[in-house]
């Protein structure tokens, strides 16, 4: 009976060793997805702020950059063309070297 228990403990240890990296990878993927969602929300807000500023004759660039969190301003681009303000930001990343970019646009329209 004691041999059976020892084997069960060894099997449980192996399962834990295999499960921990998989859970860590899953957690990292969920965290990265949350960061991408944050970046997209910030870009959408900034593009709407830039469009509102352009509508009243102010520079869209200044308004859009001011609407972004300070950590996302570096590397952000704001373009205004064809009646749209497009804001592109880098997604904060937990993986070194992985730096995707997301864009959002808003129309400059009078209501």
PDB file of N, CA and C in Angstrom:
ATOM      1  N   UNK A   1       0.821  -1.189   0.000  1.00  0.00           N
ATOM      2  CA  UNK A   1       0.000   0.000   0.000  1.00  0.00           C
ATOM      3  C   UNK A   1       0.870   1.259   0.000  1.00  0.00           C
ATOM      4  N   UNK A   2       1.984   1.220   0.675  1.00  0.00           N
ATOM      5  CA  UNK A   2       2.813   2.416   0.738  1.00  0.00           C
ATOM      6  C   UNK A   2       3.459   2.724  -0.610  1.00  0.00           C
ATOM      7  N   UNK A   3       3.742   1.714  -1.404  1.00  0.00           N
ATOM      8  CA  UNK A   3       4.271   1.957  -2.750  1.00  0.00           C
ATOM      9  C   UNK A   3       3.244   2.669  -3.618  1.00  0.00           C
ATOM     10  N   UNK A   4       1.996   2.308  -3.472  1.00  0.00           N
ATOM     11  CA  UNK A   4       0.923   2.923  -4.245  1.00  0.00           C
ATOM     12  C   UNK A   4       0.793   4.405  -3.898  1.00  0.00           C
ATOM     13  N   UNK A   5       0.880   4.699  -2.623  1.00  0.00           N
ATOM     14  CA  UNK A   5       0.805   6.115  -2.214  1.00  0.00           C
ATOM     15  C   UNK A   5       1.987   6.919  -2.743  1.00  0.00           C
ATOM     16  N   UNK A   6       3.161   6.349  -2.719  1.00  0.00           N
ATOM     17  CA  UNK A   6       4.347   7.037  -3.236  1.00  0.00           C
ATOM     18  C   UNK A   6       4.221   7.353  -4.704  1.00  0.00           C
ATOM     19  N   UNK A   7       3.672   6.409  -5.467  1.00  0.00           N
ATOM     20  CA  UNK A   7       3.473   6.639  -6.894  1.00  0.00           C
ATOM     21  C   UNK A   7       2.437   7.728  -7.134  1.00  0.00           C
ATOM     22  N   UNK A   8       1.384   7.740  -6.333  1.00  0.00           N
ATOM     23  CA  UNK A   8       0.355   8.773  -6.474  1.00  0.00           C
ATOM     24  C   UNK A   8       0.921  10.150  -6.170  1.00  0.00           C
ATOM     25  N   UNK A   9       1.763  10.228  -5.147  1.00  0.00           N
ATOM     26  CA  UNK A   9       2.387  11.516  -4.820  1.00  0.00           C
ATOM     27  C   UNK A   9       3.303  11.976  -5.945  1.00  0.00           C
ATOM     28  N   UNK A  10       4.052  11.056  -6.499  1.00  0.00           N
ATOM     29  CA  UNK A  10       4.959  11.410  -7.596  1.00  0.00           C
ATOM     30  C   UNK A  10       4.165  11.878  -8.801  1.00  0.00           C
ATOM     31  N   UNK A  11       3.048  11.200  -9.085  1.00  0.00           N
ATOM     32  CA  UNK A  11       2.226  11.607 -10.214  1.00  0.00           C
ATOM     33  C   UNK A  11       1.629  12.993  -9.968  1.00  0.00           C
ATOM     34  N   UNK A  12       1.202  13.255  -8.752  1.00  0.00           N
ATOM     35  CA  UNK A  12       0.648  14.572  -8.425  1.00  0.00           C
ATOM     36  C   UNK A  12       1.714  15.651  -8.575  1.00  0.00           C
ATOM     37  N   UNK A  13       2.940  15.369  -8.187  1.00  0.00           N
ATOM     38  CA  UNK A  13       4.027  16.341  -8.328  1.00  0.00           C
ATOM     39  C   UNK A  13       4.292  16.644  -9.792  1.00  0.00           C
ATOM     40  N   UNK A  14       4.271  15.626 -10.621  1.00  0.00           N
ATOM     41  CA  UNK A  14       4.505  15.826 -12.056  1.00  0.00           C
ATOM     42  C   UNK A  14       3.379  16.647 -12.657  1.00  0.00           C
ATOM     43  N   UNK A  15       2.159  16.398 -12.247  1.00  0.00           N
ATOM     44  CA  UNK A  15       1.029  17.168 -12.753  1.00  0.00           C
ATOM     45  C   UNK A  15       1.144  18.631 -12.382  1.00  0.00           C
ATOM     46  N   UNK A  16       1.561  18.900 -11.151  1.00  0.00           N
ATOM     47  CA  UNK A  16       1.723  20.289 -10.707  1.00  0.00           C
ATOM     48  C   UNK A  16       2.833  20.970 -11.505  1.00  0.00           C
ATOM     49  N   UNK A  17       3.933  20.269 -11.717  1.00  0.00           N
ATOM     50  CA  UNK A  17       5.048  20.836 -12.469  1.00  0.00           C
ATOM     51  C   UNK A  17       4.617  21.153 -13.901  1.00  0.00           C
ATOM     52  N   UNK A  18       3.760  20.353 -14.486  1.00  0.00           N
ATOM     53  CA  UNK A  18       3.283  20.609 -15.845  1.00  0.00           C
ATOM     54  C   UNK A  18       2.217  21.701 -15.867  1.00  0.00           C
ATOM     55  N   UNK A  19       1.445  21.797 -14.807  1.00  0.00           N
ATOM     56  CA  UNK A  19       0.322  22.744 -14.783  1.00  0.00           C
ATOM     57  C   UNK A  19       0.760  24.176 -14.488  1.00  0.00           C
ATOM     58  N   UNK A  20       1.753  24.368 -13.666  1.00  0.00           N
ATOM     59  CA  UNK A  20       2.174  25.716 -13.265  1.00  0.00           C
ATOM     60  C   UNK A  20       2.621  26.562 -14.464  1.00  0.00           C
ATOM     61  N   UNK A  21       3.485  26.061 -15.359  1.00  0.00           N
ATOM     62  CA  UNK A  21       3.849  26.893 -16.521  1.00  0.00           C
ATOM     63  C   UNK A  21       2.656  27.199 -17.425  1.00  0.00           C
ATOM     64  N   UNK A  22       1.750  26.240 -17.574  1.00  0.00           N
ATOM     65  CA  UNK A  22       0.569  26.484 -18.408  1.00  0.00           C
ATOM     66  C   UNK A  22      -0.298  27.580 -17.800  1.00  0.00           C
ATOM     67  N   UNK A  23      -0.468  27.561 -16.488  1.00  0.00           N
ATOM     68  CA  UNK A  23      -1.242  28.614 -15.824  1.00  0.00           C
ATOM     69  C   UNK A  23      -0.538  29.966 -15.905  1.00  0.00           C
ATOM     70  N   UNK A  24       0.782  29.954 -15.795  1.00  0.00           N
ATOM     71  CA  UNK A  24       1.542  31.210 -15.905  1.00  0.00           C
ATOM     72  C   UNK A  24       1.407  31.796 -17.308  1.00  0.00           C
ATOM     73  N   UNK A  25       1.452  30.940 -18.327  1.00  0.00           N
ATOM     74  CA  UNK A  25       1.279  31.407 -19.699  1.00  0.00           C
ATOM     75  C   UNK A  25      -0.124  31.950 -19.918  1.00  0.00           C
ATOM     76  N   UNK A  26      -1.111  31.278 -19.394  1.00  0.00           N
ATOM     77  CA  UNK A  26      -2.493  31.749 -19.508  1.00  0.00           C
ATOM     78  C   UNK A  26      -2.663  33.106 -18.827  1.00  0.00           C
ATOM     79  N   UNK A  27      -2.093  33.264 -17.651  1.00  0.00           N
ATOM     80  CA  UNK A  27      -2.167  34.531 -16.925  1.00  0.00           C
ATOM     81  C   UNK A  27      -1.485  35.651 -17.717  1.00  0.00           C
ATOM     82  N   UNK A  28      -0.331  35.358 -18.316  1.00  0.00           N
ATOM     83  CA  UNK A  28       0.376  36.367 -19.117  1.00  0.00           C
ATOM     84  C   UNK A  28      -0.461  36.772 -20.336  1.00  0.00           C
ATOM     85  N   UNK A  29      -1.114  35.811 -20.971  1.00  0.00           N
ATOM     86  CA  UNK A  29      -1.964  36.129 -22.133  1.00  0.00           C
ATOM     87  C   UNK A  29      -3.151  36.992 -21.730  1.00  0.00           C
ATOM     88  N   UNK A  30      -3.765  36.678 -20.606  1.00  0.00           N
ATOM     89  CA  UNK A  30      -4.908  37.470 -20.126  1.00  0.00           C
ATOM     90  C   UNK A  30      -4.449  38.885 -19.783  1.00  0.00           C
ATOM     91  N   UNK A  31      -3.307  39.010 -19.140  1.00  0.00           N
ATOM     92  CA  UNK A  31      -2.777  40.330 -18.770  1.00  0.00           C
ATOM     93  C   UNK A  31      -2.461  41.150 -20.021  1.00  0.00           C
ATOM     94  N   UNK A  32      -1.858  40.508 -21.044  1.00  0.00           N
ATOM     95  CA  UNK A  32      -1.531  41.219 -22.277  1.00  0.00           C
ATOM     96  C   UNK A  32      -2.800  41.658 -22.989  1.00  0.00           C
ATOM     97  N   UNK A  33      -3.826  40.833 -22.969  1.00  0.00           N
ATOM     98  CA  UNK A  33      -5.107  41.210 -23.587  1.00  0.00           C
ATOM     99  C   UNK A  33      -5.731  42.400 -22.856  1.00  0.00           C
ATOM    100  N   UNK A  34      -5.606  42.418 -21.537  1.00  0.00           N
ATOM    101  CA  UNK A  34      -6.125  43.553 -20.768  1.00  0.00           C
ATOM    102  C   UNK A  34      -5.363  44.836 -21.122  1.00  0.00           C
ATOM    103  N   UNK A  35      -4.062  44.738 -21.292  1.00  0.00           N
ATOM    104  CA  UNK A  35      -3.271  45.910 -21.693  1.00  0.00           C
ATOM    105  C   UNK A  35      -3.658  46.392 -23.086  1.00  0.00           C
ATOM    106  N   UNK A  36      -3.940  45.462 -23.994  1.00  0.00           N
ATOM    107  CA  UNK A  36      -4.380  45.843 -25.337  1.00  0.00           C
ATOM    108  C   UNK A  36      -5.733  46.546 -25.270  1.00  0.00           C
ATOM    109  N   UNK A  37      -6.628  46.061 -24.426  1.00  0.00           N
ATOM    110  CA  UNK A  37      -7.927  46.722 -24.258  1.00  0.00           C
ATOM    111  C   UNK A  37      -7.781  48.127 -23.707  1.00  0.00           C
ATOM    112  N   UNK A  38      -6.882  48.290 -22.747  1.00  0.00           N
ATOM    113  CA  UNK A  38      -6.617  49.618 -22.188  1.00  0.00           C
ATOM    114  C   UNK A  38      -6.079  50.561 -23.259  1.00  0.00           C
ATOM    115  N   UNK A  39      -5.157  50.070 -24.079  1.00  0.00           N
ATOM    116  CA  UNK A  39      -4.576  50.906 -25.133  1.00  0.00           C
ATOM    117  C   UNK A  39      -5.632  51.288 -26.167  1.00  0.00           C
ATOM    118  N   UNK A  40      -6.497  50.353 -26.523  1.00  0.00           N
ATOM    119  CA  UNK A  40      -7.533  50.651 -27.506  1.00  0.00           C
ATOM    120  C   UNK A  40      -8.525  51.677 -26.960  1.00  0.00           C
ATOM    121  N   UNK A  41      -8.908  51.540 -25.711  1.00  0.00           N
ATOM    122  CA  UNK A  41      -9.814  52.502 -25.090  1.00  0.00           C
ATOM    123  C   UNK A  41      -9.185  53.895 -25.036  1.00  0.00           C
ATOM    124  N   UNK A  42      -7.905  53.949 -24.695  1.00  0.00           N
ATOM    125  CA  UNK A  42      -7.213  55.243 -24.648  1.00  0.00           C
ATOM    126  C   UNK A  42      -7.120  55.866 -26.034  1.00  0.00           C
ATOM    127  N   UNK A  43      -6.839  55.050 -27.061  1.00  0.00           N
ATOM    128  CA  UNK A  43      -6.748  55.572 -28.425  1.00  0.00           C
ATOM    129  C   UNK A  43      -8.109  56.076 -28.908  1.00  0.00           C
ATOM    130  N   UNK A  44      -9.174  55.366 -28.570  1.00  0.00           N
ATOM    131  CA  UNK A  44     -10.520  55.817 -28.957  1.00  0.00           C
ATOM    132  C   UNK A  44     -10.866  57.153 -28.305  1.00  0.00           C
ATOM    133  N   UNK A  45     -10.574  57.263 -27.028  1.00  0.00           N
ATOM    134  CA  UNK A  45     -10.851  58.508 -26.316  1.00  0.00           C
ATOM    135  C   UNK A  45     -10.040  59.664 -26.895  1.00  0.00           C
ATOM    136  N   UNK A  46      -8.778  59.398 -27.188  1.00  0.00           N
ATOM    137  CA  UNK A  46      -7.912  60.446 -27.735  1.00  0.00           C
ATOM    138  C   UNK A  46      -8.368  60.870 -29.132  1.00  0.00           C
ATOM    139  N   UNK A  47      -8.797  59.922 -29.949  1.00  0.00           N
ATOM    140  CA  UNK A  47      -9.250  60.297 -31.296  1.00  0.00           C
ATOM    141  C   UNK A  47     -10.530  61.130 -31.226  1.00  0.00           C
ATOM    142  N   UNK A  48     -11.420  60.802 -30.297  1.00  0.00           N
ATOM    143  CA  UNK A  48     -12.633  61.621 -30.141  1.00  0.00           C
ATOM    144  C   UNK A  48     -12.285  63.016 -29.638  1.00  0.00           C
ATOM    145  N   UNK A  49     -11.337  63.121 -28.717  1.00  0.00           N
ATOM    146  CA  UNK A  49     -10.918  64.446 -28.225  1.00  0.00           C
ATOM    147  C   UNK A  49     -10.294  65.266 -29.347  1.00  0.00           C
ATOM    148  N   UNK A  50      -9.472  64.617 -30.160  1.00  0.00           N
ATOM    149  CA  UNK A  50      -8.868  65.312 -31.293  1.00  0.00           C
ATOM    150  C   UNK A  50      -9.907  65.768 -32.300  1.00  0.00           C
ATOM    151  N   UNK A  51     -10.921  64.937 -32.543  1.00  0.00           N
ATOM    152  CA  UNK A  51     -11.985  65.308 -33.486  1.00  0.00           C
ATOM    153  C   UNK A  51     -12.798  66.481 -32.953  1.00  0.00           C
ATOM    154  N   UNK A  52     -13.081  66.479 -31.660  1.00  0.00           N
ATOM    155  CA  UNK A  52     -13.818  67.618 -31.081  1.00  0.00           C
ATOM    156  C   UNK A  52     -12.999  68.896 -31.195  1.00  0.00           C
ATOM    157  N   UNK A  53     -11.701  68.802 -30.942  1.00  0.00           N
ATOM    158  CA  UNK A  53     -10.847  69.986 -31.043  1.00  0.00           C
ATOM    159  C   UNK A  53     -10.796  70.489 -32.482  1.00  0.00           C
ATOM    160  N   UNK A  54     -10.675  69.577 -33.437  1.00  0.00           N
ATOM    161  CA  UNK A  54     -10.624  69.985 -34.841  1.00  0.00           C
ATOM    162  C   UNK A  54     -11.934  70.634 -35.268  1.00  0.00           C
ATOM    163  N   UNK A  55     -13.018  70.163 -34.710  1.00  0.00           N
ATOM    164  CA  UNK A  55     -14.331  70.723 -35.042  1.00  0.00           C
ATOM    165  C   UNK A  55     -14.437  72.197 -34.657  1.00  0.00           C
ATOM    166  N   UNK A  56     -13.819  72.581 -33.536  1.00  0.00           N
ATOM    167  CA  UNK A  56     -13.906  73.978 -33.090  1.00  0.00           C
ATOM    168  C   UNK A  56     -12.689  74.795 -33.520  1.00  0.00           C
ATOM    169  N   UNK A  57     -11.842  74.210 -34.397  1.00  0.00           N
ATOM    170  CA  UNK A  57     -10.727  74.964 -34.947  1.00  0.00           C
ATOM    171  C   UNK A  57      -9.441  74.902 -34.142  1.00  0.00           C
ATOM    172  N   UNK A  58      -9.355  74.061 -33.145  1.00  0.00           N
ATOM    173  CA  UNK A  58      -8.106  73.907 -32.378  1.00  0.00           C
ATOM    174  C   UNK A  58      -7.292  72.752 -32.958  1.00  0.00           C
ATOM    175  N   UNK A  59      -6.001  72.700 -32.654  1.00  0.00           N
ATOM    176  CA  UNK A  59      -5.169  71.614 -33.187  1.00  0.00           C
ATOM    177  C   UNK A  59      -5.587  70.252 -32.609  1.00  0.00           C
ATOM    178  N   UNK A  60      -5.849  69.314 -33.484  1.00  0.00           N
ATOM    179  CA  UNK A  60      -6.249  67.970 -33.057  1.00  0.00           C
ATOM    180  C   UNK A  60      -5.101  67.248 -32.356  1.00  0.00           C
ATOM    181  N   UNK A  61      -3.880  67.501 -32.792  1.00  0.00           N
ATOM    182  CA  UNK A  61      -2.717  66.834 -32.213  1.00  0.00           C
ATOM    183  C   UNK A  61      -2.607  67.106 -30.726  1.00  0.00           C
ATOM    184  N   UNK A  62      -2.685  68.382 -30.345  1.00  0.00           N
ATOM    185  CA  UNK A  62      -2.540  68.743 -28.931  1.00  0.00           C
ATOM    186  C   UNK A  62      -3.635  68.120 -28.073  1.00  0.00           C
ATOM    187  N   UNK A  63      -4.870  68.178 -28.554  1.00  0.00           N
ATOM    188  CA  UNK A  63      -5.997  67.644 -27.781  1.00  0.00           C
ATOM    189  C   UNK A  63      -5.911  66.129 -27.658  1.00  0.00           C
ATOM    190  N   UNK A  64      -5.541  65.459 -28.740  1.00  0.00           N
ATOM    191  CA  UNK A  64      -5.459  64.000 -28.701  1.00  0.00           C
ATOM    192  C   UNK A  64      -4.347  63.533 -27.784  1.00  0.00           C
ATOM    193  N   UNK A  65      -3.186  64.159 -27.871  1.00  0.00           N
ATOM    194  CA  UNK A  65      -2.085  63.759 -26.994  1.00  0.00           C
ATOM    195  C   UNK A  65      -2.387  64.054 -25.531  1.00  0.00           C
ATOM    196  N   UNK A  66      -3.078  65.144 -25.273  1.00  0.00           N
ATOM    197  CA  UNK A  66      -3.439  65.473 -23.889  1.00  0.00           C
ATOM    198  C   UNK A  66      -4.419  64.453 -23.320  1.00  0.00           C
ATOM    199  N   UNK A  67      -5.233  63.846 -24.177  1.00  0.00           N
ATOM    200  CA  UNK A  67      -6.216  62.865 -23.710  1.00  0.00           C
ATOM    201  C   UNK A  67      -5.593  61.501 -23.428  1.00  0.00           C
ATOM    202  N   UNK A  68      -4.398  61.252 -23.944  1.00  0.00           N
ATOM    203  CA  UNK A  68      -3.740  59.966 -23.709  1.00  0.00           C
ATOM    204  C   UNK A  68      -3.070  59.939 -22.339  1.00  0.00           C
ATOM    205  N   UNK A  69      -3.000  58.774 -21.719  1.00  0.00           N
ATOM    206  CA  UNK A  69      -2.205  58.664 -20.492  1.00  0.00           C
ATOM    207  C   UNK A  69      -0.742  58.989 -20.798  1.00  0.00           C
ATOM    208  N   UNK A  70      -0.039  59.531 -19.850  1.00  0.00           N
ATOM    209  CA  UNK A  70       1.352  59.943 -20.066  1.00  0.00           C
ATOM    210  C   UNK A  70       2.219  58.781 -20.561  1.00  0.00           C
ATOM    211  N   UNK A  71       1.955  57.581 -20.099  1.00  0.00           N
ATOM    212  CA  UNK A  71       2.767  56.432 -20.499  1.00  0.00           C
ATOM    213  C   UNK A  71       2.560  56.040 -21.958  1.00  0.00           C
ATOM    214  N   UNK A  72       1.484  56.497 -22.582  1.00  0.00           N
ATOM    215  CA  UNK A  72       1.215  56.139 -23.975  1.00  0.00           C
ATOM    216  C   UNK A  72       1.531  57.261 -24.956  1.00  0.00           C
ATOM    217  N   UNK A  73       1.924  58.413 -24.462  1.00  0.00           N
ATOM    218  CA  UNK A  73       2.189  59.543 -25.361  1.00  0.00           C
ATOM    219  C   UNK A  73       3.441  59.332 -26.199  1.00  0.00           C
ATOM    220  N   UNK A  74       4.478  58.719 -25.623  1.00  0.00           N
ATOM    221  CA  UNK A  74       5.688  58.484 -26.403  1.00  0.00           C
ATOM    222  C   UNK A  74       5.388  57.409 -27.440  1.00  0.00           C
ATOM    223  N   UNK A  75       5.694  57.723 -28.668  1.00  0.00           N
ATOM    224  CA  UNK A  75       5.446  56.785 -29.750  1.00  0.00           C
ATOM    225  C   UNK A  75       4.055  56.876 -30.342  1.00  0.00           C
ATOM    226  N   UNK A  76       3.191  57.704 -29.765  1.00  0.00           N
ATOM    227  CA  UNK A  76       1.840  57.871 -30.316  1.00  0.00           C
ATOM    228  C   UNK A  76       1.890  58.797 -31.523  1.00  0.00           C
ATOM    229  N   UNK A  77       1.044  58.512 -32.494  1.00  0.00           N
ATOM    230  CA  UNK A  77       0.938  59.384 -33.654  1.00  0.00           C
ATOM    231  C   UNK A  77      -0.510  59.825 -33.819  1.00  0.00           C
ATOM    232  N   UNK A  78      -0.668  61.059 -34.246  1.00  0.00           N
ATOM    233  CA  UNK A  78      -1.994  61.619 -34.491  1.00  0.00           C
ATOM    234  C   UNK A  78      -1.980  62.198 -35.898  1.00  0.00           C
ATOM    235  N   UNK A  79      -2.903  61.741 -36.727  1.00  0.00           N
ATOM    236  CA  UNK A  79      -3.012  62.278 -38.087  1.00  0.00           C
ATOM    237  C   UNK A  79      -4.442  62.733 -38.315  1.00  0.00           C
ATOM    238  N   UNK A  80      -4.556  63.788 -39.093  1.00  0.00           N
ATOM    239  CA  UNK A  80      -5.871  64.335 -39.425  1.00  0.00           C
ATOM    240  C   UNK A  80      -5.957  64.447 -40.931  1.00  0.00           C
ATOM    241  N   UNK A  81      -6.867  63.692 -41.524  1.00  0.00           N
ATOM    242  CA  UNK A  81      -7.041  63.767 -42.979  1.00  0.00           C
ATOM    243  C   UNK A  81      -8.414  63.235 -43.353  1.00  0.00           C
ATOM    244  N   UNK A  82      -8.965  63.809 -44.367  1.00  0.00           N
ATOM    245  CA  UNK A  82     -10.249  63.355 -44.866  1.00  0.00           C
ATOM    246  C   UNK A  82     -11.377  63.452 -43.858  1.00  0.00           C
ATOM    247  N   UNK A  83     -11.311  64.437 -42.988  1.00  0.00           N
ATOM    248  CA  UNK A  83     -12.365  64.607 -41.998  1.00  0.00           C
ATOM    249  C   UNK A  83     -12.322  63.595 -40.868  1.00  0.00           C
ATOM    250  N   UNK A  84     -11.177  62.950 -40.660  1.00  0.00           N
ATOM    251  CA  UNK A  84     -11.016  61.978 -39.573  1.00  0.00           C
ATOM    252  C   UNK A  84      -9.735  62.262 -38.805  1.00  0.00           C
ATOM    253  N   UNK A  85      -9.765  61.985 -37.528  1.00  0.00           N
ATOM    254  CA  UNK A  85      -8.574  62.050 -36.686  1.00  0.00           C
ATOM    255  C   UNK A  85      -8.224  60.613 -36.318  1.00  0.00           C
ATOM    256  N   UNK A  86      -7.000  60.206 -36.647  1.00  0.00           N
ATOM    257  CA  UNK A  86      -6.548  58.848 -36.373  1.00  0.00           C
ATOM    258  C   UNK A  86      -5.434  58.899 -35.335  1.00  0.00           C
ATOM    259  N   UNK A  87      -5.613  58.149 -34.248  1.00  0.00           N
ATOM    260  CA  UNK A  87      -4.612  58.067 -33.188  1.00  0.00           C
ATOM    261  C   UNK A  87      -4.081  56.638 -33.156  1.00  0.00           C
ATOM    262  N   UNK A  88      -2.765  56.513 -33.212  1.00  0.00           N
ATOM    263  CA  UNK A  88      -2.115  55.212 -33.138  1.00  0.00           C
ATOM    264  C   UNK A  88      -1.221  55.195 -31.907  1.00  0.00           C
ATOM    265  N   UNK A  89      -1.359  54.146 -31.084  1.00  0.00           N
ATOM    266  CA  UNK A  89      -0.570  54.024 -29.853  1.00  0.00           C
ATOM    267  C   UNK A  89       0.090  52.652 -29.818  1.00  0.00           C
ATOM    268  N   UNK A  90       1.165  52.559 -29.054  1.00  0.00           N
ATOM    269  CA  UNK A  90       1.807  51.272 -28.794  1.00  0.00           C
ATOM    270  C   UNK A  90       1.119  50.629 -27.604  1.00  0.00           C
ATOM    271  N   UNK A  91       0.913  49.339 -27.710  1.00  0.00           N
ATOM    272  CA  UNK A  91       0.325  48.592 -26.607  1.00  0.00           C
ATOM    273  C   UNK A  91       1.424  48.312 -25.585  1.00  0.00           C
ATOM    274  N   UNK A  92       1.220  48.677 -24.318  1.00  0.00           N
ATOM    275  CA  UNK A  92       2.212  48.291 -23.311  1.00  0.00           C
ATOM    276  C   UNK A  92       2.338  46.770 -23.299  1.00  0.00           C
ATOM    277  N   UNK A  93       3.543  46.275 -23.188  1.00  0.00           N
ATOM    278  CA  UNK A  93       3.751  44.838 -23.315  1.00  0.00           C
ATOM    279  C   UNK A  93       4.521  44.277 -22.131  1.00  0.00           C
ATOM    280  N   UNK A  94       4.161  43.070 -21.735  1.00  0.00           N
ATOM    281  CA  UNK A  94       4.903  42.374 -20.682  1.00  0.00           C
ATOM    282  C   UNK A  94       5.971  41.473 -21.289  1.00  0.00           C
ATOM    283  N   UNK A  95       5.974  41.343 -22.617  1.00  0.00           N
ATOM    284  CA  UNK A  95       6.953  40.520 -23.320  1.00  0.00           C
ATOM    285  C   UNK A  95       7.954  41.450 -23.996  1.00  0.00           C
ATOM    286  N   UNK A  96       9.220  41.372 -23.630  1.00  0.00           N
ATOM    287  CA  UNK A  96      10.216  42.239 -24.260  1.00  0.00           C
ATOM    288  C   UNK A  96      10.266  42.024 -25.775  1.00  0.00           C
ATOM    289  N   UNK A  97      10.310  43.118 -26.512  1.00  0.00           N
ATOM    290  CA  UNK A  97      10.380  43.044 -27.964  1.00  0.00           C
ATOM    291  C   UNK A  97       9.032  42.930 -28.658  1.00  0.00           C
ATOM    292  N   UNK A  98       7.973  42.723 -27.922  1.00  0.00           N
ATOM    293  CA  UNK A  98       6.626  42.607 -28.487  1.00  0.00           C
ATOM    294  C   UNK A  98       5.954  43.953 -28.312  1.00  0.00           C
ATOM    295  N   UNK A  99       5.831  44.710 -29.397  1.00  0.00           N
ATOM    296  CA  UNK A  99       5.278  46.056 -29.301  1.00  0.00           C
ATOM    297  C   UNK A  99       4.253  46.302 -30.398  1.00  0.00           C
ATOM    298  N   UNK A 100       3.073  45.693 -30.281  1.00  0.00           N
ATOM    299  CA  UNK A 100       2.058  45.944 -31.294  1.00  0.00           C
ATOM    300  C   UNK A 100       1.518  47.363 -31.201  1.00  0.00           C
ATOM    301  N   UNK A 101       0.927  47.830 -32.281  1.00  0.00           N
ATOM    302  CA  UNK A 101       0.329  49.162 -32.316  1.00  0.00           C
ATOM    303  C   UNK A 101      -1.145  49.021 -32.643  1.00  0.00           C
ATOM    304  N   UNK A 102      -1.946  49.867 -32.032  1.00  0.00           N
ATOM    305  CA  UNK A 102      -3.389  49.907 -32.275  1.00  0.00           C
ATOM    306  C   UNK A 102      -3.765  51.306 -32.723  1.00  0.00           C
ATOM    307  N   UNK A 103      -4.755  51.377 -33.604  1.00  0.00           N
ATOM    308  CA  UNK A 103      -5.230  52.656 -34.096  1.00  0.00           C
ATOM    309  C   UNK A 103      -6.728  52.788 -33.859  1.00  0.00           C
ATOM    310  N   UNK A 104      -7.142  54.018 -33.696  1.00  0.00           N
ATOM    311  CA  UNK A 104      -8.562  54.330 -33.602  1.00  0.00           C
ATOM    312  C   UNK A 104      -8.787  55.652 -34.320  1.00  0.00           C
ATOM    313  N   UNK A 105      -9.945  55.789 -34.933  1.00  0.00           N
ATOM    314  CA  UNK A 105     -10.244  57.036 -35.635  1.00  0.00           C
ATOM    315  C   UNK A 105     -11.623  57.537 -35.244  1.00  0.00           C
ATOM    316  N   UNK A 106     -11.780  58.835 -35.392  1.00  0.00           N
ATOM    317  CA  UNK A 106     -13.066  59.480 -35.111  1.00  0.00           C
ATOM    318  C   UNK A 106     -13.313  60.524 -36.189  1.00  0.00           C
ATOM    319  N   UNK A 107     -14.551  60.627 -36.642  1.00  0.00           N
ATOM    320  CA  UNK A 107     -14.858  61.624 -37.686  1.00  0.00           C
ATOM    321  C   UNK A 107     -14.973  63.018 -37.088  1.00  0.00           C
ATOM    322  N   UNK A 108     -14.614  64.008 -37.886  1.00  0.00           N
ATOM    323  CA  UNK A 108     -14.809  65.397 -37.522  1.00  0.00           C
ATOM    324  C   UNK A 108     -16.077  65.839 -38.239  1.00  0.00           C
ATOM    325  N   UNK A 109     -17.200  65.818 -37.539  1.00  0.00           N
ATOM    326  CA  UNK A 109     -18.489  66.143 -38.164  1.00  0.00           C
ATOM    327  C   UNK A 109     -19.215  67.183 -37.343  1.00  0.00           C
ATOM    328  N   UNK A 110     -19.942  68.024 -38.042  1.00  0.00           N
ATOM    329  CA  UNK A 110     -20.789  69.006 -37.359  1.00  0.00           C
ATOM    330  C   UNK A 110     -22.170  68.405 -37.227  1.00  0.00           C
ATOM    331  N   UNK A 111     -22.792  68.643 -36.093  1.00  0.00           N
ATOM    332  CA  UNK A 111     -24.134  68.101 -35.867  1.00  0.00           C
ATOM    333  C   UNK A 111     -25.170  69.174 -35.927  1.00  0.00           C
TER     334      UNK A 111
END
